[in-house]
Amino acid sequence: MGVAGDLSDAEWARLESLLPSMAPQRGGRWRDHRQVIDGILWRVENGAKWHQIPDRYGPWKTCYYRFSRWDADGTWARVEKQLRADAEARGDLDWRAQVDSTVARAHQHAAGARKGG
């Protein structure tokens, strides 16, 4: 069992098959995917910088490079797509939600303030 906030065994079981193989490749073995994902999630949950990831998740550069690599090769998109499909099949998603993020920016002088004074 890991630290509070790390992936549970059930969550890991859902993710593991969606990730690239851990089979040794050119350049050696990869650090454990679960440990690295826990480090990435820690960073996201805490709003921290990459170099602030605790040592228990391995080198911060490993977390950063794995995150970047999986973003570039579409791994994160595939994981999100599958997890969304699973949640929708269970009826866990509510598509009726709405978000309005309208922003109207105006120049500082647009409000009619006098210049120079």
PDB file of N, CA and C in Angstrom:
ATOM      1  N   MET A   1       0.845  -1.184   0.000  1.00  0.00           N
ATOM      2  CA  MET A   1       0.000   0.000   0.000  1.00  0.00           C
ATOM      3  C   MET A   1       0.883   1.237   0.000  1.00  0.00           C
ATOM      4  N   GLY A   2       0.551   2.186  -0.822  1.00  0.00           N
ATOM      5  CA  GLY A   2       1.358   3.387  -0.963  1.00  0.00           C
ATOM      6  C   GLY A   2       0.937   4.493  -0.013  1.00  0.00           C
ATOM      7  N   VAL A   3       1.380   5.668  -0.333  1.00  0.00           N
ATOM      8  CA  VAL A   3       1.088   6.857   0.446  1.00  0.00           C
ATOM      9  C   VAL A   3      -0.320   7.334   0.102  1.00  0.00           C
ATOM     10  N   ALA A   4      -0.987   7.983   1.053  1.00  0.00           N
ATOM     11  CA  ALA A   4      -2.320   8.527   0.792  1.00  0.00           C
ATOM     12  C   ALA A   4      -2.273   9.412  -0.449  1.00  0.00           C
ATOM     13  N   GLY A   5      -3.214   9.221  -1.342  1.00  0.00           N
ATOM     14  CA  GLY A   5      -3.244   9.994  -2.580  1.00  0.00           C
ATOM     15  C   GLY A   5      -2.664   9.243  -3.761  1.00  0.00           C
ATOM     16  N   ASP A   6      -1.896   8.176  -3.494  1.00  0.00           N
ATOM     17  CA  ASP A   6      -1.366   7.363  -4.591  1.00  0.00           C
ATOM     18  C   ASP A   6      -2.484   6.494  -5.148  1.00  0.00           C
ATOM     19  N   LEU A   7      -2.257   5.919  -6.314  1.00  0.00           N
ATOM     20  CA  LEU A   7      -3.246   5.058  -6.937  1.00  0.00           C
ATOM     21  C   LEU A   7      -3.557   3.855  -6.055  1.00  0.00           C
ATOM     22  N   SER A   8      -4.834   3.527  -5.953  1.00  0.00           N
ATOM     23  CA  SER A   8      -5.215   2.309  -5.239  1.00  0.00           C
ATOM     24  C   SER A   8      -4.929   1.119  -6.154  1.00  0.00           C
ATOM     25  N   ASP A   9      -4.980  -0.083  -5.603  1.00  0.00           N
ATOM     26  CA  ASP A   9      -4.756  -1.275  -6.417  1.00  0.00           C
ATOM     27  C   ASP A   9      -5.812  -1.399  -7.512  1.00  0.00           C
ATOM     28  N   ALA A  10      -7.051  -1.033  -7.196  1.00  0.00           N
ATOM     29  CA  ALA A  10      -8.130  -1.100  -8.200  1.00  0.00           C
ATOM     30  C   ALA A  10      -7.900  -0.087  -9.321  1.00  0.00           C
ATOM     31  N   GLU A  11      -7.496   1.123  -8.956  1.00  0.00           N
ATOM     32  CA  GLU A  11      -7.219   2.139  -9.978  1.00  0.00           C
ATOM     33  C   GLU A  11      -6.050   1.711 -10.865  1.00  0.00           C
ATOM     34  N   TRP A  12      -5.025   1.167 -10.246  1.00  0.00           N
ATOM     35  CA  TRP A  12      -3.861   0.714 -11.007  1.00  0.00           C
ATOM     36  C   TRP A  12      -4.233  -0.417 -11.955  1.00  0.00           C
ATOM     37  N   ALA A  13      -5.083  -1.323 -11.502  1.00  0.00           N
ATOM     38  CA  ALA A  13      -5.509  -2.441 -12.353  1.00  0.00           C
ATOM     39  C   ALA A  13      -6.216  -1.935 -13.610  1.00  0.00           C
ATOM     40  N   ARG A  14      -6.978  -0.843 -13.486  1.00  0.00           N
ATOM     41  CA  ARG A  14      -7.655  -0.266 -14.653  1.00  0.00           C
ATOM     42  C   ARG A  14      -6.681   0.409 -15.604  1.00  0.00           C
ATOM     43  N   LEU A  15      -5.624   1.001 -15.074  1.00  0.00           N
ATOM     44  CA  LEU A  15      -4.669   1.751 -15.901  1.00  0.00           C
ATOM     45  C   LEU A  15      -3.581   0.897 -16.542  1.00  0.00           C
ATOM     46  N   GLU A  16      -3.140  -0.115 -15.844  1.00  0.00           N
ATOM     47  CA  GLU A  16      -1.938  -0.849 -16.234  1.00  0.00           C
ATOM     48  C   GLU A  16      -1.982  -1.347 -17.679  1.00  0.00           C
ATOM     49  N   SER A  17      -3.110  -1.897 -18.101  1.00  0.00           N
ATOM     50  CA  SER A  17      -3.200  -2.455 -19.457  1.00  0.00           C
ATOM     51  C   SER A  17      -3.243  -1.373 -20.537  1.00  0.00           C
ATOM     52  N   LEU A  18      -3.487  -0.122 -20.152  1.00  0.00           N
ATOM     53  CA  LEU A  18      -3.575   0.972 -21.122  1.00  0.00           C
ATOM     54  C   LEU A  18      -2.225   1.637 -21.387  1.00  0.00           C
ATOM     55  N   LEU A  19      -1.206   1.250 -20.626  1.00  0.00           N
ATOM     56  CA  LEU A  19       0.106   1.895 -20.711  1.00  0.00           C
ATOM     57  C   LEU A  19       1.060   1.092 -21.589  1.00  0.00           C
ATOM     58  N   PRO A  20       2.103   1.746 -22.102  1.00  0.00           N
ATOM     59  CA  PRO A  20       3.101   1.026 -22.897  1.00  0.00           C
ATOM     60  C   PRO A  20       3.750  -0.098 -22.098  1.00  0.00           C
ATOM     61  N   SER A  21       4.254  -1.073 -22.794  1.00  0.00           N
ATOM     62  CA  SER A  21       4.888  -2.241 -22.181  1.00  0.00           C
ATOM     63  C   SER A  21       6.091  -1.830 -21.335  1.00  0.00           C
ATOM     64  N   MET A  22       6.286  -2.577 -20.254  1.00  0.00           N
ATOM     65  CA  MET A  22       7.458  -2.371 -19.395  1.00  0.00           C
ATOM     66  C   MET A  22       8.617  -3.260 -19.823  1.00  0.00           C
ATOM     67  N   ALA A  23       8.463  -4.000 -20.926  1.00  0.00           N
ATOM     68  CA  ALA A  23       9.525  -4.891 -21.401  1.00  0.00           C
ATOM     69  C   ALA A  23      10.789  -4.072 -21.666  1.00  0.00           C
ATOM     70  N   PRO A  24      11.947  -4.617 -21.294  1.00  0.00           N
ATOM     71  CA  PRO A  24      13.196  -3.890 -21.526  1.00  0.00           C
ATOM     72  C   PRO A  24      13.358  -3.522 -23.008  1.00  0.00           C
ATOM     73  N   GLN A  25      13.757  -2.292 -23.233  1.00  0.00           N
ATOM     74  CA  GLN A  25      13.985  -1.799 -24.581  1.00  0.00           C
ATOM     75  C   GLN A  25      15.413  -1.280 -24.663  1.00  0.00           C
ATOM     76  N   ARG A  26      15.772  -0.807 -25.822  1.00  0.00           N
ATOM     77  CA  ARG A  26      17.092  -0.220 -25.975  1.00  0.00           C
ATOM     78  C   ARG A  26      17.259   0.894 -24.946  1.00  0.00           C
ATOM     79  N   GLY A  27      18.340   0.883 -24.246  1.00  0.00           N
ATOM     80  CA  GLY A  27      18.583   1.893 -23.227  1.00  0.00           C
ATOM     81  C   GLY A  27      18.289   1.399 -21.820  1.00  0.00           C
ATOM     82  N   GLY A  28      17.773   0.182 -21.692  1.00  0.00           N
ATOM     83  CA  GLY A  28      17.553  -0.371 -20.361  1.00  0.00           C
ATOM     84  C   GLY A  28      16.095  -0.387 -19.962  1.00  0.00           C
ATOM     85  N   ARG A  29      15.869  -0.740 -18.702  1.00  0.00           N
ATOM     86  CA  ARG A  29      14.510  -0.861 -18.169  1.00  0.00           C
ATOM     87  C   ARG A  29      13.962   0.487 -17.767  1.00  0.00           C
ATOM     88  N   TRP A  30      12.649   0.596 -17.829  1.00  0.00           N
ATOM     89  CA  TRP A  30      11.970   1.796 -17.351  1.00  0.00           C
ATOM     90  C   TRP A  30      11.690   1.662 -15.865  1.00  0.00           C
ATOM     91  N   ARG A  31      11.674   2.787 -15.184  1.00  0.00           N
ATOM     92  CA  ARG A  31      11.228   2.799 -13.796  1.00  0.00           C
ATOM     93  C   ARG A  31       9.751   2.403 -13.797  1.00  0.00           C
ATOM     94  N   ASP A  32       9.315   1.800 -12.722  1.00  0.00           N
ATOM     95  CA  ASP A  32       7.952   1.309 -12.590  1.00  0.00           C
ATOM     96  C   ASP A  32       6.919   2.383 -12.961  1.00  0.00           C
ATOM     97  N   HIS A  33       6.018   2.040 -13.889  1.00  0.00           N
ATOM     98  CA  HIS A  33       4.992   2.989 -14.339  1.00  0.00           C
ATOM     99  C   HIS A  33       4.140   3.502 -13.177  1.00  0.00           C
ATOM    100  N   ARG A  34       3.781   2.621 -12.271  1.00  0.00           N
ATOM    101  CA  ARG A  34       2.902   3.032 -11.171  1.00  0.00           C
ATOM    102  C   ARG A  34       3.561   4.095 -10.301  1.00  0.00           C
ATOM    103  N   GLN A  35       4.825   3.918 -10.006  1.00  0.00           N
ATOM    104  CA  GLN A  35       5.559   4.885  -9.188  1.00  0.00           C
ATOM    105  C   GLN A  35       5.622   6.236  -9.903  1.00  0.00           C
ATOM    106  N   VAL A  36       5.882   6.201 -11.194  1.00  0.00           N
ATOM    107  CA  VAL A  36       5.997   7.442 -11.966  1.00  0.00           C
ATOM    108  C   VAL A  36       4.646   8.142 -12.068  1.00  0.00           C
ATOM    109  N   ILE A  37       3.578   7.387 -12.325  1.00  0.00           N
ATOM    110  CA  ILE A  37       2.246   8.003 -12.410  1.00  0.00           C
ATOM    111  C   ILE A  37       1.853   8.600 -11.066  1.00  0.00           C
ATOM    112  N   ASP A  38       2.169   7.914  -9.971  1.00  0.00           N
ATOM    113  CA  ASP A  38       1.899   8.490  -8.651  1.00  0.00           C
ATOM    114  C   ASP A  38       2.634   9.821  -8.488  1.00  0.00           C
ATOM    115  N   GLY A  39       3.871   9.910  -8.984  1.00  0.00           N
ATOM    116  CA  GLY A  39       4.616  11.168  -8.923  1.00  0.00           C
ATOM    117  C   GLY A  39       3.979  12.256  -9.772  1.00  0.00           C
ATOM    118  N   ILE A  40       3.531  11.894 -10.955  1.00  0.00           N
ATOM    119  CA  ILE A  40       2.866  12.867 -11.836  1.00  0.00           C
ATOM    120  C   ILE A  40       1.574  13.357 -11.180  1.00  0.00           C
ATOM    121  N   LEU A  41       0.794  12.428 -10.629  1.00  0.00           N
ATOM    122  CA  LEU A  41      -0.456  12.812  -9.970  1.00  0.00           C
ATOM    123  C   LEU A  41      -0.193  13.674  -8.738  1.00  0.00           C
ATOM    124  N   TRP A  42       0.886  13.362  -8.001  1.00  0.00           N
ATOM    125  CA  TRP A  42       1.234  14.192  -6.841  1.00  0.00           C
ATOM    126  C   TRP A  42       1.478  15.627  -7.287  1.00  0.00           C
ATOM    127  N   ARG A  43       2.231  15.784  -8.368  1.00  0.00           N
ATOM    128  CA  ARG A  43       2.537  17.123  -8.881  1.00  0.00           C
ATOM    129  C   ARG A  43       1.268  17.867  -9.278  1.00  0.00           C
ATOM    130  N   VAL A  44       0.374  17.179  -9.993  1.00  0.00           N
ATOM    131  CA  VAL A  44      -0.868  17.817 -10.448  1.00  0.00           C
ATOM    132  C   VAL A  44      -1.745  18.212  -9.258  1.00  0.00           C
ATOM    133  N   GLU A  45      -1.886  17.315  -8.286  1.00  0.00           N
ATOM    134  CA  GLU A  45      -2.730  17.586  -7.129  1.00  0.00           C
ATOM    135  C   GLU A  45      -2.197  18.716  -6.259  1.00  0.00           C
ATOM    136  N   ASN A  46      -0.875  18.875  -6.219  1.00  0.00           N
ATOM    137  CA  ASN A  46      -0.267  19.873  -5.347  1.00  0.00           C
ATOM    138  C   ASN A  46       0.111  21.159  -6.058  1.00  0.00           C
ATOM    139  N   GLY A  47      -0.026  21.191  -7.372  1.00  0.00           N
ATOM    140  CA  GLY A  47       0.334  22.395  -8.115  1.00  0.00           C
ATOM    141  C   GLY A  47       1.816  22.715  -8.018  1.00  0.00           C
ATOM    142  N   ALA A  48       2.622  21.691  -7.824  1.00  0.00           N
ATOM    143  CA  ALA A  48       4.054  21.890  -7.623  1.00  0.00           C
ATOM    144  C   ALA A  48       4.805  21.945  -8.946  1.00  0.00           C
ATOM    145  N   LYS A  49       6.045  22.351  -8.857  1.00  0.00           N
ATOM    146  CA  LYS A  49       6.938  22.311 -10.022  1.00  0.00           C
ATOM    147  C   LYS A  49       7.524  20.911 -10.100  1.00  0.00           C
ATOM    148  N   TRP A  50       7.986  20.544 -11.283  1.00  0.00           N
ATOM    149  CA  TRP A  50       8.510  19.199 -11.485  1.00  0.00           C
ATOM    150  C   TRP A  50       9.595  18.841 -10.485  1.00  0.00           C
ATOM    151  N   HIS A  51      10.511  19.759 -10.233  1.00  0.00           N
ATOM    152  CA  HIS A  51      11.634  19.420  -9.354  1.00  0.00           C
ATOM    153  C   HIS A  51      11.234  19.283  -7.886  1.00  0.00           C
ATOM    154  N   GLN A  52       9.980  19.577  -7.557  1.00  0.00           N
ATOM    155  CA  GLN A  52       9.511  19.453  -6.175  1.00  0.00           C
ATOM    156  C   GLN A  52       8.866  18.093  -5.882  1.00  0.00           C
ATOM    157  N   ILE A  53       8.807  17.210  -6.876  1.00  0.00           N
ATOM    158  CA  ILE A  53       8.234  15.880  -6.658  1.00  0.00           C
ATOM    159  C   ILE A  53       9.078  15.140  -5.625  1.00  0.00           C
ATOM    160  N   PRO A  54       8.433  14.558  -4.600  1.00  0.00           N
ATOM    161  CA  PRO A  54       9.189  13.845  -3.556  1.00  0.00           C
ATOM    162  C   PRO A  54      10.016  12.685  -4.108  1.00  0.00           C
ATOM    163  N   ASP A  55      11.115  12.406  -3.457  1.00  0.00           N
ATOM    164  CA  ASP A  55      12.038  11.349  -3.889  1.00  0.00           C
ATOM    165  C   ASP A  55      11.392   9.969  -3.928  1.00  0.00           C
ATOM    166  N   ARG A  56      10.332   9.754  -3.161  1.00  0.00           N
ATOM    167  CA  ARG A  56       9.701   8.430  -3.141  1.00  0.00           C
ATOM    168  C   ARG A  56       9.117   8.044  -4.500  1.00  0.00           C
ATOM    169  N   TYR A  57       8.955   9.022  -5.403  1.00  0.00           N
ATOM    170  CA  TYR A  57       8.440   8.752  -6.743  1.00  0.00           C
ATOM    171  C   TYR A  57       9.552   8.596  -7.774  1.00  0.00           C
ATOM    172  N   GLY A  58      10.773   8.612  -7.317  1.00  0.00           N
ATOM    173  CA  GLY A  58      11.909   8.499  -8.224  1.00  0.00           C
ATOM    174  C   GLY A  58      12.375   9.883  -8.659  1.00  0.00           C
ATOM    175  N   PRO A  59      13.344   9.919  -9.560  1.00  0.00           N
ATOM    176  CA  PRO A  59      13.864  11.210 -10.026  1.00  0.00           C
ATOM    177  C   PRO A  59      12.770  12.033 -10.713  1.00  0.00           C
ATOM    178  N   TRP A  60      12.708  13.319 -10.393  1.00  0.00           N
ATOM    179  CA  TRP A  60      11.678  14.164 -10.986  1.00  0.00           C
ATOM    180  C   TRP A  60      11.787  14.207 -12.504  1.00  0.00           C
ATOM    181  N   LYS A  61      13.010  14.097 -13.029  1.00  0.00           N
ATOM    182  CA  LYS A  61      13.187  14.127 -14.482  1.00  0.00           C
ATOM    183  C   LYS A  61      12.531  12.916 -15.137  1.00  0.00           C
ATOM    184  N   THR A  62      12.535  11.788 -14.462  1.00  0.00           N
ATOM    185  CA  THR A  62      11.871  10.599 -14.990  1.00  0.00           C
ATOM    186  C   THR A  62      10.372  10.859 -15.116  1.00  0.00           C
ATOM    187  N   CYS A  63       9.777  11.434 -14.075  1.00  0.00           N
ATOM    188  CA  CYS A  63       8.347  11.764 -14.127  1.00  0.00           C
ATOM    189  C   CYS A  63       8.062  12.747 -15.252  1.00  0.00           C
ATOM    190  N   TYR A  64       8.888  13.775 -15.373  1.00  0.00           N
ATOM    191  CA  TYR A  64       8.685  14.783 -16.411  1.00  0.00           C
ATOM    192  C   TYR A  64       8.808  14.184 -17.809  1.00  0.00           C
ATOM    193  N   TYR A  65       9.877  13.415 -18.042  1.00  0.00           N
ATOM    194  CA  TYR A  65      10.089  12.864 -19.383  1.00  0.00           C
ATOM    195  C   TYR A  65       9.029  11.834 -19.749  1.00  0.00           C
ATOM    196  N   ARG A  66       8.590  11.036 -18.782  1.00  0.00           N
ATOM    197  CA  ARG A  66       7.534  10.059 -19.064  1.00  0.00           C
ATOM    198  C   ARG A  66       6.233  10.787 -19.381  1.00  0.00           C
ATOM    199  N   PHE A  67       5.912  11.826 -18.609  1.00  0.00           N
ATOM    200  CA  PHE A  67       4.709  12.618 -18.869  1.00  0.00           C
ATOM    201  C   PHE A  67       4.765  13.214 -20.276  1.00  0.00           C
ATOM    202  N   SER A  68       5.891  13.814 -20.618  1.00  0.00           N
ATOM    203  CA  SER A  68       6.051  14.451 -21.936  1.00  0.00           C
ATOM    204  C   SER A  68       5.988  13.429 -23.066  1.00  0.00           C
ATOM    205  N   ARG A  69       6.662  12.312 -22.887  1.00  0.00           N
ATOM    206  CA  ARG A  69       6.681  11.275 -23.928  1.00  0.00           C
ATOM    207  C   ARG A  69       5.273  10.749 -24.176  1.00  0.00           C
ATOM    208  N   TRP A  70       4.548  10.476 -23.098  1.00  0.00           N
ATOM    209  CA  TRP A  70       3.198   9.924 -23.242  1.00  0.00           C
ATOM    210  C   TRP A  70       2.226  10.959 -23.784  1.00  0.00           C
ATOM    211  N   ASP A  71       2.489  12.227 -23.541  1.00  0.00           N
ATOM    212  CA  ASP A  71       1.662  13.268 -24.142  1.00  0.00           C
ATOM    213  C   ASP A  71       1.903  13.309 -25.650  1.00  0.00           C
ATOM    214  N   ALA A  72       3.156  13.247 -26.045  1.00  0.00           N
ATOM    215  CA  ALA A  72       3.512  13.324 -27.467  1.00  0.00           C
ATOM    216  C   ALA A  72       3.055  12.103 -28.257  1.00  0.00           C
ATOM    217  N   ASP A  73       3.128  10.911 -27.650  1.00  0.00           N
ATOM    218  CA  ASP A  73       2.783   9.706 -28.413  1.00  0.00           C
ATOM    219  C   ASP A  73       1.307   9.311 -28.308  1.00  0.00           C
ATOM    220  N   GLY A  74       0.512  10.088 -27.577  1.00  0.00           N
ATOM    221  CA  GLY A  74      -0.919   9.840 -27.497  1.00  0.00           C
ATOM    222  C   GLY A  74      -1.357   8.891 -26.398  1.00  0.00           C
ATOM    223  N   THR A  75      -0.439   8.477 -25.537  1.00  0.00           N
ATOM    224  CA  THR A  75      -0.799   7.552 -24.458  1.00  0.00           C
ATOM    225  C   THR A  75      -1.837   8.162 -23.534  1.00  0.00           C
ATOM    226  N   TRP A  76      -1.640   9.413 -23.120  1.00  0.00           N
ATOM    227  CA  TRP A  76      -2.596  10.051 -22.210  1.00  0.00           C
ATOM    228  C   TRP A  76      -3.965  10.165 -22.861  1.00  0.00           C
ATOM    229  N   ALA A  77      -4.001  10.497 -24.155  1.00  0.00           N
ATOM    230  CA  ALA A  77      -5.282  10.614 -24.857  1.00  0.00           C
ATOM    231  C   ALA A  77      -6.004   9.267 -24.901  1.00  0.00           C
ATOM    232  N   ARG A  78      -5.269   8.188 -25.149  1.00  0.00           N
ATOM    233  CA  ARG A  78      -5.884   6.851 -25.173  1.00  0.00           C
ATOM    234  C   ARG A  78      -6.398   6.457 -23.789  1.00  0.00           C
ATOM    235  N   VAL A  79      -5.621   6.756 -22.748  1.00  0.00           N
ATOM    236  CA  VAL A  79      -6.045   6.446 -21.382  1.00  0.00           C
ATOM    237  C   VAL A  79      -7.329   7.210 -21.055  1.00  0.00           C
ATOM    238  N   GLU A  80      -7.336   8.498 -21.353  1.00  0.00           N
ATOM    239  CA  GLU A  80      -8.521   9.319 -21.067  1.00  0.00           C
ATOM    240  C   GLU A  80      -9.738   8.810 -21.834  1.00  0.00           C
ATOM    241  N   LYS A  81      -9.555   8.486 -23.097  1.00  0.00           N
ATOM    242  CA  LYS A  81     -10.665   7.994 -23.922  1.00  0.00           C
ATOM    243  C   LYS A  81     -11.253   6.711 -23.348  1.00  0.00           C
ATOM    244  N   GLN A  82     -10.388   5.778 -22.944  1.00  0.00           N
ATOM    245  CA  GLN A  82     -10.865   4.501 -22.399  1.00  0.00           C
ATOM    246  C   GLN A  82     -11.547   4.693 -21.055  1.00  0.00           C
ATOM    247  N   LEU A  83     -10.958   5.493 -20.174  1.00  0.00           N
ATOM    248  CA  LEU A  83     -11.560   5.716 -18.863  1.00  0.00           C
ATOM    249  C   LEU A  83     -12.901   6.433 -18.986  1.00  0.00           C
ATOM    250  N   ARG A  84     -12.993   7.369 -19.929  1.00  0.00           N
ATOM    251  CA  ARG A  84     -14.259   8.065 -20.166  1.00  0.00           C
ATOM    252  C   ARG A  84     -15.311   7.081 -20.675  1.00  0.00           C
ATOM    253  N   ALA A  85     -14.930   6.206 -21.618  1.00  0.00           N
ATOM    254  CA  ALA A  85     -15.857   5.213 -22.156  1.00  0.00           C
ATOM    255  C   ALA A  85     -16.332   4.260 -21.052  1.00  0.00           C
ATOM    256  N   ASP A  86     -15.410   3.833 -20.181  1.00  0.00           N
ATOM    257  CA  ASP A  86     -15.775   2.953 -19.068  1.00  0.00           C
ATOM    258  C   ASP A  86     -16.757   3.643 -18.122  1.00  0.00           C
ATOM    259  N   ALA A  87     -16.486   4.898 -17.791  1.00  0.00           N
ATOM    260  CA  ALA A  87     -17.362   5.646 -16.883  1.00  0.00           C
ATOM    261  C   ALA A  87     -18.731   5.870 -17.509  1.00  0.00           C
ATOM    262  N   GLU A  88     -18.743   6.149 -18.798  1.00  0.00           N
ATOM    263  CA  GLU A  88     -20.025   6.368 -19.477  1.00  0.00           C
ATOM    264  C   GLU A  88     -20.836   5.074 -19.518  1.00  0.00           C
ATOM    265  N   ALA A  89     -20.171   3.946 -19.753  1.00  0.00           N
ATOM    266  CA  ALA A  89     -20.862   2.657 -19.788  1.00  0.00           C
ATOM    267  C   ALA A  89     -21.485   2.322 -18.422  1.00  0.00           C
ATOM    268  N   ARG A  90     -20.843   2.745 -17.343  1.00  0.00           N
ATOM    269  CA  ARG A  90     -21.374   2.518 -15.998  1.00  0.00           C
ATOM    270  C   ARG A  90     -22.430   3.552 -15.617  1.00  0.00           C
ATOM    271  N   GLY A  91     -22.573   4.601 -16.431  1.00  0.00           N
ATOM    272  CA  GLY A  91     -23.534   5.660 -16.113  1.00  0.00           C
ATOM    273  C   GLY A  91     -22.998   6.660 -15.112  1.00  0.00           C
ATOM    274  N   ASP A  92     -21.679   6.743 -14.997  1.00  0.00           N
ATOM    275  CA  ASP A  92     -21.062   7.648 -14.022  1.00  0.00           C
ATOM    276  C   ASP A  92     -20.852   9.066 -14.539  1.00  0.00           C
ATOM    277  N   LEU A  93     -21.112   9.312 -15.823  1.00  0.00           N
ATOM    278  CA  LEU A  93     -20.901  10.647 -16.377  1.00  0.00           C
ATOM    279  C   LEU A  93     -22.232  11.359 -16.564  1.00  0.00           C
ATOM    280  N   ASP A  94     -22.247  12.622 -16.210  1.00  0.00           N
ATOM    281  CA  ASP A  94     -23.426  13.457 -16.404  1.00  0.00           C
ATOM    282  C   ASP A  94     -23.080  14.505 -17.453  1.00  0.00           C
ATOM    283  N   TRP A  95     -23.586  14.307 -18.656  1.00  0.00           N
ATOM    284  CA  TRP A  95     -23.257  15.199 -19.768  1.00  0.00           C
ATOM    285  C   TRP A  95     -24.128  16.446 -19.778  1.00  0.00           C
ATOM    286  N   ARG A  96     -24.976  16.637 -18.776  1.00  0.00           N
ATOM    287  CA  ARG A  96     -25.854  17.806 -18.744  1.00  0.00           C
ATOM    288  C   ARG A  96     -25.182  19.032 -18.138  1.00  0.00           C
ATOM    289  N   ALA A  97     -23.982  18.887 -17.652  1.00  0.00           N
ATOM    290  CA  ALA A  97     -23.271  20.003 -17.028  1.00  0.00           C
ATOM    291  C   ALA A  97     -22.927  21.062 -18.066  1.00  0.00           C
ATOM    292  N   GLN A  98     -22.878  22.303 -17.636  1.00  0.00           N
ATOM    293  CA  GLN A  98     -22.548  23.405 -18.532  1.00  0.00           C
ATOM    294  C   GLN A  98     -21.485  24.282 -17.876  1.00  0.00           C
ATOM    295  N   VAL A  99     -20.645  24.832 -18.727  1.00  0.00           N
ATOM    296  CA  VAL A  99     -19.605  25.731 -18.252  1.00  0.00           C
ATOM    297  C   VAL A  99     -19.636  26.977 -19.114  1.00  0.00           C
ATOM    298  N   ASP A 100     -19.559  28.128 -18.490  1.00  0.00           N
ATOM    299  CA  ASP A 100     -19.495  29.385 -19.228  1.00  0.00           C
ATOM    300  C   ASP A 100     -18.266  30.127 -18.743  1.00  0.00           C
ATOM    301  N   SER A 101     -17.331  30.297 -19.637  1.00  0.00           N
ATOM    302  CA  SER A 101     -16.100  30.988 -19.242  1.00  0.00           C
ATOM    303  C   SER A 101     -15.871  32.216 -20.122  1.00  0.00           C
ATOM    304  N   THR A 102     -16.936  32.934 -20.405  1.00  0.00           N
ATOM    305  CA  THR A 102     -16.833  34.116 -21.234  1.00  0.00           C
ATOM    306  C   THR A 102     -15.992  35.174 -20.525  1.00  0.00           C
ATOM    307  N   VAL A 103     -15.055  35.727 -21.252  1.00  0.00           N
ATOM    308  CA  VAL A 103     -14.200  36.778 -20.725  1.00  0.00           C
ATOM    309  C   VAL A 103     -14.185  37.908 -21.743  1.00  0.00           C
ATOM    310  N   ALA A 104     -14.458  39.105 -21.278  1.00  0.00           N
ATOM    311  CA  ALA A 104     -14.406  40.267 -22.160  1.00  0.00           C
ATOM    312  C   ALA A 104     -13.321  41.191 -21.639  1.00  0.00           C
ATOM    313  N   ARG A 105     -12.216  41.216 -22.328  1.00  0.00           N
ATOM    314  CA  ARG A 105     -11.099  42.056 -21.897  1.00  0.00           C
ATOM    315  C   ARG A 105     -11.227  43.427 -22.547  1.00  0.00           C
ATOM    316  N   ALA A 106     -10.918  44.442 -21.777  1.00  0.00           N
ATOM    317  CA  ALA A 106     -10.983  45.809 -22.289  1.00  0.00           C
ATOM    318  C   ALA A 106      -9.680  46.514 -21.947  1.00  0.00           C
ATOM    319  N   HIS A 107      -9.289  47.410 -22.791  1.00  0.00           N
ATOM    320  CA  HIS A 107      -8.098  48.217 -22.534  1.00  0.00           C
ATOM    321  C   HIS A 107      -8.359  49.092 -21.321  1.00  0.00           C
ATOM    322  N   GLN A 108      -7.319  49.457 -20.613  1.00  0.00           N
ATOM    323  CA  GLN A 108      -7.487  50.246 -19.384  1.00  0.00           C
ATOM    324  C   GLN A 108      -8.186  51.574 -19.620  1.00  0.00           C
ATOM    325  N   HIS A 109      -8.104  52.112 -20.836  1.00  0.00           N
ATOM    326  CA  HIS A 109      -8.741  53.401 -21.125  1.00  0.00           C
ATOM    327  C   HIS A 109     -10.154  53.231 -21.676  1.00  0.00           C
ATOM    328  N   ALA A 110     -10.594  52.027 -21.867  1.00  0.00           N
ATOM    329  CA  ALA A 110     -11.908  51.770 -22.447  1.00  0.00           C
ATOM    330  C   ALA A 110     -13.043  52.121 -21.491  1.00  0.00           C
ATOM    331  N   ALA A 111     -12.771  52.270 -20.216  1.00  0.00           N
ATOM    332  CA  ALA A 111     -13.817  52.550 -19.244  1.00  0.00           C
ATOM    333  C   ALA A 111     -14.115  54.039 -19.127  1.00  0.00           C
ATOM    334  N   GLY A 112     -13.485  54.858 -19.914  1.00  0.00           N
ATOM    335  CA  GLY A 112     -13.775  56.279 -19.908  1.00  0.00           C
ATOM    336  C   GLY A 112     -12.990  57.088 -18.917  1.00  0.00           C
ATOM    337  N   ALA A 113     -11.961  56.509 -18.330  1.00  0.00           N
ATOM    338  CA  ALA A 113     -11.146  57.244 -17.372  1.00  0.00           C
ATOM    339  C   ALA A 113     -10.387  58.353 -18.090  1.00  0.00           C
ATOM    340  N   ARG A 114     -10.197  59.467 -17.402  1.00  0.00           N
ATOM    341  CA  ARG A 114      -9.456  60.581 -17.997  1.00  0.00           C
ATOM    342  C   ARG A 114      -7.996  60.219 -18.113  1.00  0.00           C
ATOM    343  N   LYS A 115      -7.397  60.667 -19.181  1.00  0.00           N
ATOM    344  CA  LYS A 115      -5.974  60.440 -19.400  1.00  0.00           C
ATOM    345  C   LYS A 115      -5.163  61.431 -18.579  1.00  0.00           C
ATOM    346  N   GLY A 116      -4.041  60.913 -18.048  1.00  0.00           N
ATOM    347  CA  GLY A 116      -3.086  61.776 -17.364  1.00  0.00           C
ATOM    348  C   GLY A 116      -3.562  62.361 -16.065  1.00  0.00           C
ATOM    349  N   GLY A 117      -4.515  61.746 -15.424  1.00  0.00           N
ATOM    350  CA  GLY A 117      -4.887  62.426 -14.273  1.00  0.00           C
ATOM    351  C   GLY A 117      -5.472  61.917 -13.101  1.00  0.00           C
TER     352      GLY A 117
END
